[in-house]
Amino acid sequence: GLAALHSLDFAHLSLHPGNVVLDAKSHVKLADYALPLELLLSRGKMLDALDERSELLEEHTLYRSPELLRLSVGADEEPDAPLLPSDVWALGCLLLRVLTLEPLYASATLEGTPTASVLSRTLPRVASGELHPASHLDEAVHPWQPTEPAVPTHAAALIRRCTAPSPAERPTALEVVEFVTAHRQREMHERARSRAFAPEPKHVPSSPAPARRERPVINV
């Protein structure tokens, strides 16, 4: 997945729900590598591609990191800033979207209706750091269990790390995989331990069945 891509020093730069697909066995696959291919040819072409897509002002632009938004309009003071952390930012946004079932920046996009005019006002606020995707994380509630938080504690911590304002503070894609794997193994261990120490159910002997009475045979 993304960790394998980054191991080749290859950034995706366009992670959003429309580019994450499932195969017939429900394996997650990444799609649309148009921007990284152009990046290999020329960084300038990558910027042109970002500018052309930003003119469409579609919802997927909300998944871009602040530094990528600044870079796409030539406003970044460090044009050679690393791009791999931008994918990690988008990954954190994807996790937030899946776990809360709410659009990103819902309160700032008219309850999830990202029209071009709304996005044109929202994206500069994201680029400047005024808006953050995880700002409503603590208030999000579970869609089916309103008394429970929408995002588990460990997942909320991971989302906040992935969407850290500074790219240097974000984990690598491999560190995200290691975090998720370690948590899954810990959960499996705890379940196995709870089953091992669970008290055995008491056996209640069943009452013996009443003896069957034979009907008398009457000879005529």
Protein backbone atom coordinates (compact mmCIF):
# COMPACT_ATOMS: atom_id res chain seq x y z
CA GLY A 1 0.00 0.00 0.00
CA LEU A 2 1.10 3.50 0.84
CA ALA A 3 4.10 2.32 2.88
CA ALA A 4 5.39 0.32 -0.10
CA LEU A 5 4.92 3.35 -2.33
CA HIS A 6 6.83 5.58 0.07
CA SER A 7 9.64 3.03 0.39
CA LEU A 8 10.40 3.90 -3.24
CA ASP A 9 10.38 7.62 -2.34
CA PHE A 10 7.23 7.92 -4.43
CA ALA A 11 4.41 10.19 -3.27
CA HIS A 12 0.79 9.71 -4.29
CA LEU A 13 -0.34 13.31 -3.64
CA SER A 14 -3.99 12.64 -4.49
CA LEU A 15 -5.32 10.43 -1.72
CA HIS A 16 -9.06 10.82 -1.19
CA PRO A 17 -12.10 8.49 -1.01
CA GLY A 18 -12.45 8.36 -4.79
CA ASN A 19 -8.94 6.93 -5.15
CA VAL A 20 -9.33 4.16 -2.56
CA VAL A 21 -11.04 1.08 -3.96
CA LEU A 22 -11.75 -2.49 -2.89
CA ASP A 23 -11.08 -5.56 -4.99
CA ALA A 24 -13.26 -8.68 -5.13
CA LYS A 25 -11.69 -9.92 -1.86
CA SER A 26 -12.21 -6.58 -0.07
CA HIS A 27 -8.50 -5.72 -0.23
CA VAL A 28 -7.82 -1.99 -0.21
CA LYS A 29 -6.15 -0.67 -3.36
CA LEU A 30 -4.91 2.78 -4.28
CA ALA A 31 -5.77 4.28 -7.65
CA ASP A 32 -4.92 7.34 -9.78
CA TYR A 33 -1.19 7.87 -9.86
CA ALA A 34 -1.33 10.70 -12.41
CA LEU A 35 0.25 13.32 -10.17
CA PRO A 36 3.26 11.24 -9.03
CA LEU A 37 4.01 10.29 -12.63
CA GLU A 38 4.14 13.95 -13.56
CA LEU A 39 6.25 14.62 -10.49
CA LEU A 40 8.83 12.15 -11.78
CA LEU A 41 9.02 14.13 -15.01
CA SER A 42 9.01 17.61 -13.59
CA ARG A 43 8.01 19.27 -10.35
CA GLY A 44 6.70 22.17 -12.39
CA LYS A 45 4.33 19.90 -14.28
CA MET A 46 3.08 18.52 -10.97
CA LEU A 47 2.27 22.06 -9.84
CA ASP A 48 0.47 22.75 -13.10
CA ALA A 49 -1.59 19.59 -12.64
CA LEU A 50 -2.51 20.61 -9.10
CA ASP A 51 -3.52 24.06 -10.29
CA GLU A 52 -5.69 22.62 -13.07
CA ARG A 53 -7.45 20.28 -10.66
CA SER A 54 -7.87 22.96 -8.02
CA GLU A 55 -9.79 25.00 -10.58
CA LEU A 56 -12.43 22.29 -10.45
CA LEU A 57 -12.69 22.83 -6.69
CA GLU A 58 -14.01 19.35 -6.01
CA GLU A 59 -14.39 17.84 -2.57
CA HIS A 60 -11.20 15.80 -2.86
CA THR A 61 -9.15 19.01 -2.60
CA LEU A 62 -10.09 19.06 1.10
CA TYR A 63 -7.80 16.06 1.63
CA ARG A 64 -4.68 18.00 0.63
CA SER A 65 -2.26 19.03 3.33
CA PRO A 66 -1.72 22.71 4.12
CA GLU A 67 1.79 22.63 2.65
CA LEU A 68 0.53 20.99 -0.55
CA LEU A 69 -2.18 23.62 -0.90
CA ARG A 70 0.39 26.36 -0.42
CA LEU A 71 2.76 24.67 -2.84
CA SER A 72 0.09 24.33 -5.52
CA VAL A 73 -0.38 28.10 -5.62
CA GLY A 74 3.32 28.87 -5.27
CA ALA A 75 2.89 30.40 -1.83
CA ASP A 76 5.12 27.97 0.07
CA GLU A 77 8.39 29.42 1.29
CA GLU A 78 10.08 26.01 0.89
CA PRO A 79 9.39 24.73 -2.64
CA ASP A 80 11.59 21.68 -1.98
CA ALA A 81 9.67 20.58 1.12
CA PRO A 82 9.23 16.78 1.42
CA LEU A 83 6.00 15.52 -0.12
CA LEU A 84 5.60 12.12 1.57
CA PRO A 85 4.15 13.66 4.78
CA SER A 86 1.35 15.13 2.65
CA ASP A 87 0.16 11.59 1.91
CA VAL A 88 0.15 10.85 5.64
CA TRP A 89 -1.99 13.94 6.21
CA ALA A 90 -4.46 12.68 3.59
CA LEU A 91 -4.43 9.24 5.25
CA GLY A 92 -5.39 10.80 8.57
CA CYS A 93 -8.22 12.65 6.83
CA LEU A 94 -9.41 9.39 5.26
CA LEU A 95 -9.45 7.65 8.64
CA LEU A 96 -11.41 10.55 10.10
CA ARG A 97 -13.93 10.45 7.25
CA VAL A 98 -14.46 6.69 7.57
CA LEU A 99 -14.78 6.60 11.35
CA THR A 100 -17.07 9.62 11.79
CA LEU A 101 -19.04 9.26 8.54
CA GLU A 102 -18.97 13.05 8.32
CA PRO A 103 -17.49 15.21 5.54
CA LEU A 104 -14.24 16.99 6.33
CA TYR A 105 -14.67 20.49 7.75
CA ALA A 106 -18.42 19.88 7.85
CA SER A 107 -19.12 23.02 9.87
CA ALA A 108 -17.13 25.10 7.39
CA THR A 109 -18.64 23.62 4.24
CA LEU A 110 -22.34 24.14 4.88
CA GLU A 111 -22.89 20.70 6.41
CA GLY A 112 -20.93 18.82 3.81
CA THR A 113 -22.06 20.61 0.65
CA PRO A 114 -18.70 21.62 -0.85
CA THR A 115 -19.77 24.01 -3.57
CA ALA A 116 -17.08 25.82 -5.55
CA SER A 117 -17.71 29.09 -3.74
CA VAL A 118 -17.54 27.43 -0.33
CA LEU A 119 -14.35 25.55 -1.18
CA SER A 120 -12.74 28.71 -2.52
CA ARG A 121 -13.20 30.19 0.96
CA THR A 122 -12.37 27.01 2.88
CA LEU A 123 -9.12 25.95 1.20
CA PRO A 124 -7.16 29.14 2.05
CA ARG A 125 -8.14 28.67 5.70
CA VAL A 126 -6.85 25.09 5.58
CA ALA A 127 -3.63 26.21 3.91
CA SER A 128 -3.02 28.85 6.58
CA GLY A 129 -3.73 26.42 9.42
CA GLU A 130 -6.85 28.24 10.57
CA LEU A 131 -8.98 25.14 9.89
CA HIS A 132 -7.96 21.67 11.02
CA PRO A 133 -9.78 18.44 10.05
CA ALA A 134 -9.58 16.95 13.55
CA SER A 135 -10.87 20.02 15.38
CA HIS A 136 -14.28 18.38 15.95
CA LEU A 137 -12.84 14.96 16.82
CA ASP A 138 -13.76 15.11 20.51
CA GLU A 139 -17.34 16.16 19.75
CA ALA A 140 -18.01 13.46 17.15
CA VAL A 141 -20.43 10.78 18.34
CA HIS A 142 -20.92 7.22 17.22
CA PRO A 143 -23.50 7.04 14.39
CA TRP A 144 -25.31 4.06 15.94
CA GLN A 145 -24.43 4.45 19.63
CA PRO A 146 -24.80 8.15 20.54
CA THR A 147 -23.40 7.59 24.04
CA GLU A 148 -20.10 6.31 22.63
CA PRO A 149 -17.35 8.36 20.95
CA ALA A 150 -17.23 8.01 17.19
CA VAL A 151 -13.48 7.44 17.15
CA PRO A 152 -11.69 5.11 19.60
CA THR A 153 -8.95 6.70 21.70
CA HIS A 154 -6.07 5.00 19.90
CA ALA A 155 -7.49 5.92 16.48
CA ALA A 156 -8.04 9.54 17.53
CA ALA A 157 -4.40 9.73 18.67
CA LEU A 158 -3.24 8.34 15.32
CA ILE A 159 -5.40 10.81 13.35
CA ARG A 160 -4.00 13.74 15.33
CA ARG A 161 -0.44 12.56 14.67
CA CYS A 162 -1.11 12.13 10.96
CA THR A 163 -2.61 15.62 10.70
CA ALA A 164 0.03 17.41 12.73
CA PRO A 165 0.52 20.95 11.36
CA SER A 166 4.24 20.39 10.86
CA PRO A 167 5.15 17.69 8.30
CA ALA A 168 8.16 16.75 10.43
CA GLU A 169 5.86 15.80 13.33
CA ARG A 170 3.81 13.30 11.30
CA PRO A 171 4.61 9.59 11.36
CA THR A 172 5.81 7.83 8.25
CA ALA A 173 3.43 5.51 6.41
CA LEU A 174 5.43 2.56 7.73
CA GLU A 175 5.07 3.82 11.31
CA VAL A 176 1.30 4.03 10.77
CA VAL A 177 1.28 0.39 9.64
CA GLU A 178 3.36 -0.64 12.65
CA PHE A 179 1.05 1.27 15.01
CA VAL A 180 -2.09 -0.36 13.62
CA THR A 181 -0.49 -3.82 13.58
CA ALA A 182 0.72 -3.50 17.17
CA HIS A 183 -2.70 -2.37 18.37
CA ARG A 184 -4.42 -5.23 16.55
CA GLN A 185 -2.03 -7.78 18.06
CA ARG A 186 -2.57 -6.28 21.51
CA GLU A 187 -6.35 -6.56 21.10
CA MET A 188 -6.06 -10.19 19.97
CA HIS A 189 -3.83 -10.98 22.97
CA GLU A 190 -6.30 -9.34 25.37
CA ARG A 191 -9.22 -11.28 23.89
CA ALA A 192 -7.32 -14.56 24.14
CA ARG A 193 -6.36 -13.80 27.74
CA SER A 194 -9.91 -12.88 28.71
CA ARG A 195 -11.16 -16.16 27.25
CA ALA A 196 -8.46 -18.12 29.08
CA PHE A 197 -9.33 -16.62 32.47
CA ALA A 198 -13.08 -16.54 31.97
CA PRO A 199 -14.90 -18.71 34.56
CA GLU A 200 -16.25 -21.90 33.16
CA PRO A 201 -20.05 -22.00 32.97
CA LYS A 202 -21.63 -24.04 35.74
CA HIS A 203 -23.06 -27.32 34.61
CA VAL A 204 -26.61 -27.75 35.78
CA PRO A 205 -27.63 -31.40 35.60
CA SER A 206 -30.85 -31.87 33.79
CA SER A 207 -33.77 -33.55 35.56
CA PRO A 208 -34.29 -37.17 34.61
CA ALA A 209 -37.07 -37.72 32.17
CA PRO A 210 -40.18 -39.24 33.74
CA ALA A 211 -40.55 -42.95 33.23
CA ARG A 212 -42.74 -43.83 30.32
CA ARG A 213 -45.94 -45.58 31.36
CA GLU A 214 -47.01 -48.40 29.16
CA ARG A 215 -50.67 -48.45 28.23
CA PRO A 216 -52.40 -51.65 29.35
CA VAL A 217 -53.39 -54.06 26.62
CA ILE A 218 -57.03 -55.15 26.81
CA ASN A 219 -57.92 -58.47 25.16
CA VAL A 220 -61.46 -58.71 23.86
